[in-house]
Amino acid sequence: MRNESINRFGFRQDRGGPHLARTIMLKELTLLLSAVDAPDVDKRLYMKAITEDNCLNKRSDRTRKISARHLAHLYGLDPEITLFRCFSYFWSRDNDGQPLLALLFATARDSILKSTGPFIQSYATGQSVTREALEDFIDNLETGRFSPATLKSTAQNIRSSWTQSGHLQGKVKKIRKAAKATPGSVSFAVLLGYLLGFRGESLYKTEYAKLLDCSLEESIELSVEASRKGWIVLKRLGSVIEVMFPNLLSKQEMEWVREQS
């Protein structure tokens, strides 16, 4: 799919990414979305909440501005961006799913974090995930791209993000665990696949769906629950599955979706 086709929904494929310097910043994101509890406000209000109102409790103007920049890169913070608006919808309705929602959104906008998904998925529950192994994985993706110091700090940031999302546990020694899939996080993962052109059962087999750490049937059951809540529309007849998002996508966005078909 052409980059411009998915970029207009809010996906990003920048070669760099916030994880060279930050994590998914779940704590900061939670503080921000609690301070600005209205997903349809102007982007400038999110920036004002960070840089002027200091809702993140940062010590200096510089750290406020840096935090604002990284959060905007990871999450858009603009209701005009399809992914942010949809993310906000599920975030406000599914508290338990917020860590996984943040991880899913961040992987759609940070290529470095996204590239480590297969690495995390390769570990079984209970296995130790070392920083050194992650460094080797990142380096092998593009040998020599990062200096040893940058590799180390990037791997630390990424392991922290996967811990915040619930895929790892532990402060120093990180152990693989199963993330907690919820109706909202499954719905958002399916939406990401839908915007990329997947349909039917394949919606539950995308790179985003794999991050849910649950089986196909479990994911579908959680989608059924989301449908009962009115968050999405799911129709299932045997092995035939149709998922729609009438409460989330505008006419213009649906036209973009049809253009990709």
Foldseek 3Di string as FASTA:
>chain_A
DDPVLLVQLPFADDPAACLLPAALPLVQVVLLCVVVVDLADALVVSLCCQQPVVSVVDDDNVVSVVVSVRNCQQQVSGCSRQLNVLLSVLVVVPVLQSLLSSLLSNLRRGVLLVQCLVVLLVDDFFDWDALVVQLVSSCVVPPPPDDPVSSSSSSVNSLVSCVSSPQWDDDHTTGGDQGADALSSLVSQLVSVLSVPDFALVSCVDSSNSNNRDDSVVSVVRPVVCVVVVQWPWDDDPRGIGIGGPPRDDPVSVVSSVVVD
